[in-house]
């Protein structure tokens, strides 16, 4: 009986020791990267709830849902061009993922100036995206779209659209600030001794924001 108790205690002690150790718990993954993954996982649940709520509202409303091609069209030279602004926004955000990936490569290649420059370019893409989103919101508000109703169809459209795209735009804005802070710290030499894994950690956040936009683009603008 005592032998069984000793084995049980060893097993529990071993379990605690493993999870108290960065190396054993995450197989060599740094705490910074592990915590970012945990944060992104929690954020995934939030965006998933938003999109599931959107699906529930969209499929249960008895009022016709607004036609995305009409609602999000731009008038150029007297012609309505559907989803032009959204296409440009998507291109900008996807391009920013490319510059972010290049920044990560430069970080691990010990090229801090190139990594910081590419992160600043990525941040500028993010600012461009947010600026176009502000224009999109302004256009819809001018046309009468509100969180409690809109002239294009189902009244739930406004509340769901502003909530989801606004939450995503907030993430992009935070990402821009994050990118600029890390880039400036790199240029200042703060990571010279400990390495540039922070660039990859920042990239994880930015790629997540881009991936979420792909789902928003598919759900709101293509459906």
C-alpha atoms as a PDB file:
ATOM      1  CA  UNK A   1       0.000   0.000   0.000  1.00  0.00           C
ATOM      2  CA  UNK A   2       2.839   2.388   0.878  1.00  0.00           C
ATOM      3  CA  UNK A   3       4.562   1.601  -2.445  1.00  0.00           C
ATOM      4  CA  UNK A   4       1.427   2.573  -4.346  1.00  0.00           C
ATOM      5  CA  UNK A   5       1.237   5.823  -2.383  1.00  0.00           C
ATOM      6  CA  UNK A   6       4.873   6.616  -3.151  1.00  0.00           C
ATOM      7  CA  UNK A   7       4.355   5.985  -6.867  1.00  0.00           C
ATOM      8  CA  UNK A   8       1.258   8.196  -6.827  1.00  0.00           C
ATOM      9  CA  UNK A   9       3.143  11.041  -5.115  1.00  0.00           C
ATOM     10  CA  UNK A  10       6.019  10.739  -7.561  1.00  0.00           C
ATOM     11  CA  UNK A  11       3.600  10.901 -10.432  1.00  0.00           C
ATOM     12  CA  UNK A  12       1.908  14.047  -9.078  1.00  0.00           C
ATOM     13  CA  UNK A  13       5.239  15.655  -8.254  1.00  0.00           C
ATOM     14  CA  UNK A  14       6.469  14.874 -11.740  1.00  0.00           C
ATOM     15  CA  UNK A  15       3.326  16.374 -13.266  1.00  0.00           C
ATOM     16  CA  UNK A  16       3.763  19.595 -11.267  1.00  0.00           C
ATOM     17  CA  UNK A  17       7.463  19.783 -12.115  1.00  0.00           C
ATOM     18  CA  UNK A  18       6.732  19.368 -15.821  1.00  0.00           C
ATOM     19  CA  UNK A  19       4.151  22.138 -15.919  1.00  0.00           C
ATOM     20  CA  UNK A  20       6.336  24.402 -13.800  1.00  0.00           C
ATOM     21  CA  UNK A  21       9.126  24.127 -16.343  1.00  0.00           C
ATOM     22  CA  UNK A  22       9.098  26.069 -19.611  1.00  0.00           C
ATOM     23  CA  UNK A  23      11.188  23.428 -21.356  1.00  0.00           C
ATOM     24  CA  UNK A  24       9.169  20.392 -20.254  1.00  0.00           C
ATOM     25  CA  UNK A  25       5.720  21.928 -20.584  1.00  0.00           C
ATOM     26  CA  UNK A  26       6.112  23.497 -24.015  1.00  0.00           C
ATOM     27  CA  UNK A  27       8.970  21.452 -25.527  1.00  0.00           C
ATOM     28  CA  UNK A  28      11.376  24.364 -25.767  1.00  0.00           C
ATOM     29  CA  UNK A  29       8.820  27.006 -26.776  1.00  0.00           C
ATOM     30  CA  UNK A  30       9.458  30.318 -25.019  1.00  0.00           C
ATOM     31  CA  UNK A  31       6.886  31.687 -22.612  1.00  0.00           C
ATOM     32  CA  UNK A  32       6.368  34.740 -24.805  1.00  0.00           C
ATOM     33  CA  UNK A  33       5.371  32.640 -27.792  1.00  0.00           C
ATOM     34  CA  UNK A  34       3.293  30.252 -25.681  1.00  0.00           C
ATOM     35  CA  UNK A  35       1.368  33.116 -24.069  1.00  0.00           C
ATOM     36  CA  UNK A  36       0.700  34.680 -27.461  1.00  0.00           C
ATOM     37  CA  UNK A  37      -0.743  31.376 -28.698  1.00  0.00           C
ATOM     38  CA  UNK A  38      -2.959  31.178 -25.608  1.00  0.00           C
ATOM     39  CA  UNK A  39      -4.144  34.750 -26.159  1.00  0.00           C
ATOM     40  CA  UNK A  40      -4.899  34.053 -29.816  1.00  0.00           C
ATOM     41  CA  UNK A  41      -6.816  30.923 -28.850  1.00  0.00           C
ATOM     42  CA  UNK A  42      -9.010  32.928 -26.483  1.00  0.00           C
ATOM     43  CA  UNK A  43      -9.500  35.574 -29.174  1.00  0.00           C
ATOM     44  CA  UNK A  44     -10.503  32.838 -31.613  1.00  0.00           C
ATOM     45  CA  UNK A  45     -13.358  31.885 -29.291  1.00  0.00           C
ATOM     46  CA  UNK A  46     -14.583  35.500 -29.199  1.00  0.00           C
ATOM     47  CA  UNK A  47     -14.556  35.941 -32.974  1.00  0.00           C
ATOM     48  CA  UNK A  48     -16.160  32.508 -33.383  1.00  0.00           C
ATOM     49  CA  UNK A  49     -19.022  33.554 -31.097  1.00  0.00           C
ATOM     50  CA  UNK A  50     -19.497  36.723 -33.139  1.00  0.00           C
ATOM     51  CA  UNK A  51     -19.576  34.845 -36.439  1.00  0.00           C
ATOM     52  CA  UNK A  52     -21.860  32.119 -35.084  1.00  0.00           C
ATOM     53  CA  UNK A  53     -24.178  34.852 -33.822  1.00  0.00           C
ATOM     54  CA  UNK A  54     -24.095  36.409 -37.281  1.00  0.00           C
ATOM     55  CA  UNK A  55     -25.018  33.077 -38.862  1.00  0.00           C
ATOM     56  CA  UNK A  56     -27.880  32.621 -36.407  1.00  0.00           C
ATOM     57  CA  UNK A  57     -29.281  36.083 -37.106  1.00  0.00           C
ATOM     58  CA  UNK A  58     -28.802  35.782 -40.857  1.00  0.00           C
ATOM     59  CA  UNK A  59     -30.547  32.429 -41.121  1.00  0.00           C
ATOM     60  CA  UNK A  60     -33.470  33.234 -38.798  1.00  0.00           C
ATOM     61  CA  UNK A  61     -34.478  36.750 -39.842  1.00  0.00           C
ATOM     62  CA  UNK A  62     -37.711  36.979 -41.801  1.00  0.00           C
ATOM     63  CA  UNK A  63     -36.711  40.281 -43.422  1.00  0.00           C
ATOM     64  CA  UNK A  64     -34.525  40.024 -46.564  1.00  0.00           C
ATOM     65  CA  UNK A  65     -30.818  40.452 -45.827  1.00  0.00           C
ATOM     66  CA  UNK A  66     -29.119  43.396 -47.604  1.00  0.00           C
ATOM     67  CA  UNK A  67     -27.349  42.574 -50.866  1.00  0.00           C
ATOM     68  CA  UNK A  68     -23.616  43.027 -50.229  1.00  0.00           C
ATOM     69  CA  UNK A  69     -22.917  43.910 -53.854  1.00  0.00           C
ATOM     70  CA  UNK A  70     -25.255  46.890 -53.549  1.00  0.00           C
ATOM     71  CA  UNK A  71     -24.507  47.973 -49.995  1.00  0.00           C
ATOM     72  CA  UNK A  72     -20.725  47.934 -50.414  1.00  0.00           C
ATOM     73  CA  UNK A  73     -20.563  49.294 -53.954  1.00  0.00           C
ATOM     74  CA  UNK A  74     -18.646  52.428 -54.893  1.00  0.00           C
ATOM     75  CA  UNK A  75     -19.823  54.901 -57.504  1.00  0.00           C
ATOM     76  CA  UNK A  76     -17.014  55.698 -59.956  1.00  0.00           C
ATOM     77  CA  UNK A  77     -17.705  57.853 -63.030  1.00  0.00           C
ATOM     78  CA  UNK A  78     -21.409  57.266 -62.527  1.00  0.00           C
ATOM     79  CA  UNK A  79     -21.017  53.484 -62.430  1.00  0.00           C
ATOM     80  CA  UNK A  80     -21.637  51.269 -59.388  1.00  0.00           C
ATOM     81  CA  UNK A  81     -18.617  49.017 -58.812  1.00  0.00           C
ATOM     82  CA  UNK A  82     -19.473  46.257 -56.320  1.00  0.00           C
ATOM     83  CA  UNK A  83     -17.016  45.399 -53.519  1.00  0.00           C
ATOM     84  CA  UNK A  84     -14.159  47.449 -55.000  1.00  0.00           C
ATOM     85  CA  UNK A  85     -13.204  49.022 -51.670  1.00  0.00           C
ATOM     86  CA  UNK A  86     -13.446  45.652 -49.896  1.00  0.00           C
ATOM     87  CA  UNK A  87     -11.211  44.038 -52.506  1.00  0.00           C
ATOM     88  CA  UNK A  88      -8.578  46.746 -51.997  1.00  0.00           C
ATOM     89  CA  UNK A  89      -8.810  46.388 -48.213  1.00  0.00           C
ATOM     90  CA  UNK A  90      -8.322  42.639 -48.490  1.00  0.00           C
ATOM     91  CA  UNK A  91      -5.356  43.066 -50.834  1.00  0.00           C
ATOM     92  CA  UNK A  92      -3.734  45.548 -48.436  1.00  0.00           C
ATOM     93  CA  UNK A  93      -4.136  43.240 -45.431  1.00  0.00           C
ATOM     94  CA  UNK A  94      -2.892  40.143 -47.261  1.00  0.00           C
ATOM     95  CA  UNK A  95       0.102  42.098 -48.572  1.00  0.00           C
ATOM     96  CA  UNK A  96       0.878  43.144 -45.005  1.00  0.00           C
ATOM     97  CA  UNK A  97       1.137  39.463 -44.068  1.00  0.00           C
ATOM     98  CA  UNK A  98       3.851  39.122 -46.694  1.00  0.00           C
ATOM     99  CA  UNK A  99       5.884  42.028 -45.326  1.00  0.00           C
ATOM    100  CA  UNK A 100       5.427  40.679 -41.805  1.00  0.00           C
ATOM    101  CA  UNK A 101       6.728  37.261 -42.857  1.00  0.00           C
ATOM    102  CA  UNK A 102       9.752  38.953 -44.437  1.00  0.00           C
ATOM    103  CA  UNK A 103      10.334  40.845 -41.181  1.00  0.00           C
ATOM    104  CA  UNK A 104      10.378  37.566 -39.242  1.00  0.00           C
ATOM    105  CA  UNK A 105      12.953  36.117 -41.638  1.00  0.00           C
ATOM    106  CA  UNK A 106      15.123  39.219 -41.266  1.00  0.00           C
ATOM    107  CA  UNK A 107      14.838  39.001 -37.493  1.00  0.00           C
ATOM    108  CA  UNK A 108      16.158  35.456 -37.360  1.00  0.00           C
ATOM    109  CA  UNK A 109      18.844  36.380 -39.911  1.00  0.00           C
ATOM    110  CA  UNK A 110      20.044  39.019 -37.431  1.00  0.00           C
ATOM    111  CA  UNK A 111      19.177  41.919 -39.719  1.00  0.00           C
ATOM    112  CA  UNK A 112      17.479  44.241 -37.219  1.00  0.00           C
ATOM    113  CA  UNK A 113      17.233  47.332 -39.429  1.00  0.00           C
ATOM    114  CA  UNK A 114      15.594  45.377 -42.249  1.00  0.00           C
ATOM    115  CA  UNK A 115      13.216  43.674 -39.796  1.00  0.00           C
ATOM    116  CA  UNK A 116      12.234  46.996 -38.205  1.00  0.00           C
ATOM    117  CA  UNK A 117      11.742  48.635 -41.606  1.00  0.00           C
ATOM    118  CA  UNK A 118       9.479  45.828 -42.788  1.00  0.00           C
ATOM    119  CA  UNK A 119       7.485  46.009 -39.555  1.00  0.00           C
ATOM    120  CA  UNK A 120       6.973  49.747 -40.062  1.00  0.00           C
ATOM    121  CA  UNK A 121       5.809  49.062 -43.641  1.00  0.00           C
ATOM    122  CA  UNK A 122       3.423  46.430 -42.251  1.00  0.00           C
ATOM    123  CA  UNK A 123       2.092  48.991 -39.784  1.00  0.00           C
ATOM    124  CA  UNK A 124       1.518  51.462 -42.627  1.00  0.00           C
ATOM    125  CA  UNK A 125      -0.507  48.823 -44.441  1.00  0.00           C
ATOM    126  CA  UNK A 126      -2.516  48.424 -41.238  1.00  0.00           C
ATOM    127  CA  UNK A 127      -3.129  52.182 -41.006  1.00  0.00           C
ATOM    128  CA  UNK A 128      -4.261  52.162 -44.645  1.00  0.00           C
ATOM    129  CA  UNK A 129      -6.686  49.344 -43.910  1.00  0.00           C
ATOM    130  CA  UNK A 130      -8.166  51.113 -40.883  1.00  0.00           C
ATOM    131  CA  UNK A 131      -8.450  54.341 -42.874  1.00  0.00           C
ATOM    132  CA  UNK A 132     -10.437  52.562 -45.593  1.00  0.00           C
ATOM    133  CA  UNK A 133     -12.610  50.953 -42.937  1.00  0.00           C
ATOM    134  CA  UNK A 134     -13.371  54.392 -41.496  1.00  0.00           C
ATOM    135  CA  UNK A 135     -14.370  55.534 -44.989  1.00  0.00           C
ATOM    136  CA  UNK A 136     -16.600  52.454 -45.354  1.00  0.00           C
ATOM    137  CA  UNK A 137     -18.301  53.127 -42.028  1.00  0.00           C
ATOM    138  CA  UNK A 138     -18.785  56.806 -42.890  1.00  0.00           C
ATOM    139  CA  UNK A 139     -20.366  55.881 -46.214  1.00  0.00           C
ATOM    140  CA  UNK A 140     -22.791  53.433 -44.598  1.00  0.00           C
ATOM    141  CA  UNK A 141     -23.734  55.853 -41.823  1.00  0.00           C
ATOM    142  CA  UNK A 142     -24.352  58.580 -44.409  1.00  0.00           C
ATOM    143  CA  UNK A 143     -26.649  56.163 -46.270  1.00  0.00           C
ATOM    144  CA  UNK A 144     -28.673  55.561 -43.113  1.00  0.00           C
ATOM    145  CA  UNK A 145     -27.217  52.328 -41.735  1.00  0.00           C
ATOM    146  CA  UNK A 146     -27.431  52.245 -37.932  1.00  0.00           C
ATOM    147  CA  UNK A 147     -26.948  49.556 -35.256  1.00  0.00           C
ATOM    148  CA  UNK A 148     -30.728  49.514 -34.785  1.00  0.00           C
ATOM    149  CA  UNK A 149     -31.734  49.481 -38.450  1.00  0.00           C
ATOM    150  CA  UNK A 150     -30.895  50.269 -42.045  1.00  0.00           C
ATOM    151  CA  UNK A 151     -32.716  51.122 -45.286  1.00  0.00           C
ATOM    152  CA  UNK A 152     -31.342  48.096 -47.174  1.00  0.00           C
ATOM    153  CA  UNK A 153     -33.195  45.288 -45.382  1.00  0.00           C
ATOM    154  CA  UNK A 154     -32.943  43.373 -42.110  1.00  0.00           C
ATOM    155  CA  UNK A 155     -32.434  45.762 -39.162  1.00  0.00           C
ATOM    156  CA  UNK A 156     -29.956  43.361 -37.507  1.00  0.00           C
ATOM    157  CA  UNK A 157     -27.470  43.971 -40.292  1.00  0.00           C
ATOM    158  CA  UNK A 158     -26.204  47.250 -38.872  1.00  0.00           C
ATOM    159  CA  UNK A 159     -25.592  45.996 -35.330  1.00  0.00           C
ATOM    160  CA  UNK A 160     -23.829  42.803 -36.450  1.00  0.00           C
ATOM    161  CA  UNK A 161     -21.742  44.567 -39.084  1.00  0.00           C
ATOM    162  CA  UNK A 162     -20.535  47.415 -36.860  1.00  0.00           C
ATOM    163  CA  UNK A 163     -19.824  45.070 -33.959  1.00  0.00           C
ATOM    164  CA  UNK A 164     -17.768  42.486 -35.863  1.00  0.00           C
ATOM    165  CA  UNK A 165     -15.895  44.807 -38.225  1.00  0.00           C
ATOM    166  CA  UNK A 166     -15.357  47.308 -35.423  1.00  0.00           C
ATOM    167  CA  UNK A 167     -13.890  44.638 -33.152  1.00  0.00           C
ATOM    168  CA  UNK A 168     -11.601  43.503 -35.947  1.00  0.00           C
ATOM    169  CA  UNK A 169     -10.611  47.086 -36.762  1.00  0.00           C
ATOM    170  CA  UNK A 170      -9.756  47.573 -33.083  1.00  0.00           C
ATOM    171  CA  UNK A 171      -7.445  44.549 -33.292  1.00  0.00           C
ATOM    172  CA  UNK A 172      -5.756  45.967 -36.382  1.00  0.00           C
ATOM    173  CA  UNK A 173      -5.266  49.325 -34.631  1.00  0.00           C
ATOM    174  CA  UNK A 174      -3.731  47.625 -31.575  1.00  0.00           C
ATOM    175  CA  UNK A 175      -1.543  45.595 -33.945  1.00  0.00           C
ATOM    176  CA  UNK A 176      -0.266  48.778 -35.613  1.00  0.00           C
ATOM    177  CA  UNK A 177       0.735  50.210 -32.233  1.00  0.00           C
ATOM    178  CA  UNK A 178       2.342  46.898 -31.260  1.00  0.00           C
ATOM    179  CA  UNK A 179       4.323  46.747 -34.508  1.00  0.00           C
ATOM    180  CA  UNK A 180       5.603  50.302 -34.170  1.00  0.00           C
ATOM    181  CA  UNK A 181       6.656  49.836 -30.546  1.00  0.00           C
ATOM    182  CA  UNK A 182       8.562  46.630 -31.307  1.00  0.00           C
ATOM    183  CA  UNK A 183      10.152  48.171 -34.428  1.00  0.00           C
ATOM    184  CA  UNK A 184      11.370  51.195 -32.474  1.00  0.00           C
ATOM    185  CA  UNK A 185      12.768  48.971 -29.703  1.00  0.00           C
ATOM    186  CA  UNK A 186      14.607  46.922 -32.338  1.00  0.00           C
ATOM    187  CA  UNK A 187      16.158  50.069 -33.826  1.00  0.00           C
ATOM    188  CA  UNK A 188      17.153  51.128 -30.324  1.00  0.00           C
ATOM    189  CA  UNK A 189      18.981  47.832 -29.827  1.00  0.00           C
ATOM    190  CA  UNK A 190      16.860  46.491 -26.976  1.00  0.00           C
ATOM    191  CA  UNK A 191      16.808  42.946 -28.405  1.00  0.00           C
ATOM    192  CA  UNK A 192      20.445  42.731 -29.489  1.00  0.00           C
ATOM    193  CA  UNK A 193      21.482  40.376 -26.692  1.00  0.00           C
ATOM    194  CA  UNK A 194      18.369  38.224 -26.260  1.00  0.00           C
ATOM    195  CA  UNK A 195      17.560  37.775 -29.946  1.00  0.00           C
ATOM    196  CA  UNK A 196      14.668  38.744 -32.186  1.00  0.00           C
ATOM    197  CA  UNK A 197      12.041  36.134 -31.407  1.00  0.00           C
ATOM    198  CA  UNK A 198       9.776  39.057 -30.506  1.00  0.00           C
ATOM    199  CA  UNK A 199       9.415  39.698 -34.245  1.00  0.00           C
ATOM    200  CA  UNK A 200       7.920  36.226 -34.720  1.00  0.00           C
ATOM    201  CA  UNK A 201       5.636  36.697 -31.705  1.00  0.00           C
ATOM    202  CA  UNK A 202       4.403  39.989 -33.169  1.00  0.00           C
ATOM    203  CA  UNK A 203       3.948  38.235 -36.504  1.00  0.00           C
ATOM    204  CA  UNK A 204       1.726  35.595 -34.898  1.00  0.00           C
ATOM    205  CA  UNK A 205      -0.667  38.312 -33.788  1.00  0.00           C
ATOM    206  CA  UNK A 206      -0.647  40.064 -37.147  1.00  0.00           C
ATOM    207  CA  UNK A 207      -1.210  36.873 -39.153  1.00  0.00           C
ATOM    208  CA  UNK A 208      -4.111  36.020 -36.846  1.00  0.00           C
ATOM    209  CA  UNK A 209      -5.725  39.403 -37.533  1.00  0.00           C
ATOM    210  CA  UNK A 210      -5.321  38.799 -41.269  1.00  0.00           C
ATOM    211  CA  UNK A 211      -6.815  35.304 -41.013  1.00  0.00           C
ATOM    212  CA  UNK A 212      -9.851  36.590 -39.136  1.00  0.00           C
ATOM    213  CA  UNK A 213     -10.431  39.124 -41.917  1.00  0.00           C
ATOM    214  CA  UNK A 214     -10.598  36.284 -44.452  1.00  0.00           C
ATOM    215  CA  UNK A 215     -13.571  34.832 -42.549  1.00  0.00           C
ATOM    216  CA  UNK A 216     -15.221  38.233 -42.169  1.00  0.00           C
ATOM    217  CA  UNK A 217     -14.723  38.886 -45.872  1.00  0.00           C
ATOM    218  CA  UNK A 218     -16.326  35.544 -46.773  1.00  0.00           C
ATOM    219  CA  UNK A 219     -19.250  35.856 -44.344  1.00  0.00           C
ATOM    220  CA  UNK A 220     -20.175  39.531 -44.773  1.00  0.00           C
ATOM    221  CA  UNK A 221     -19.149  40.451 -48.295  1.00  0.00           C
ATOM    222  CA  UNK A 222     -19.312  37.276 -50.409  1.00  0.00           C
ATOM    223  CA  UNK A 223     -22.375  35.581 -48.916  1.00  0.00           C
END
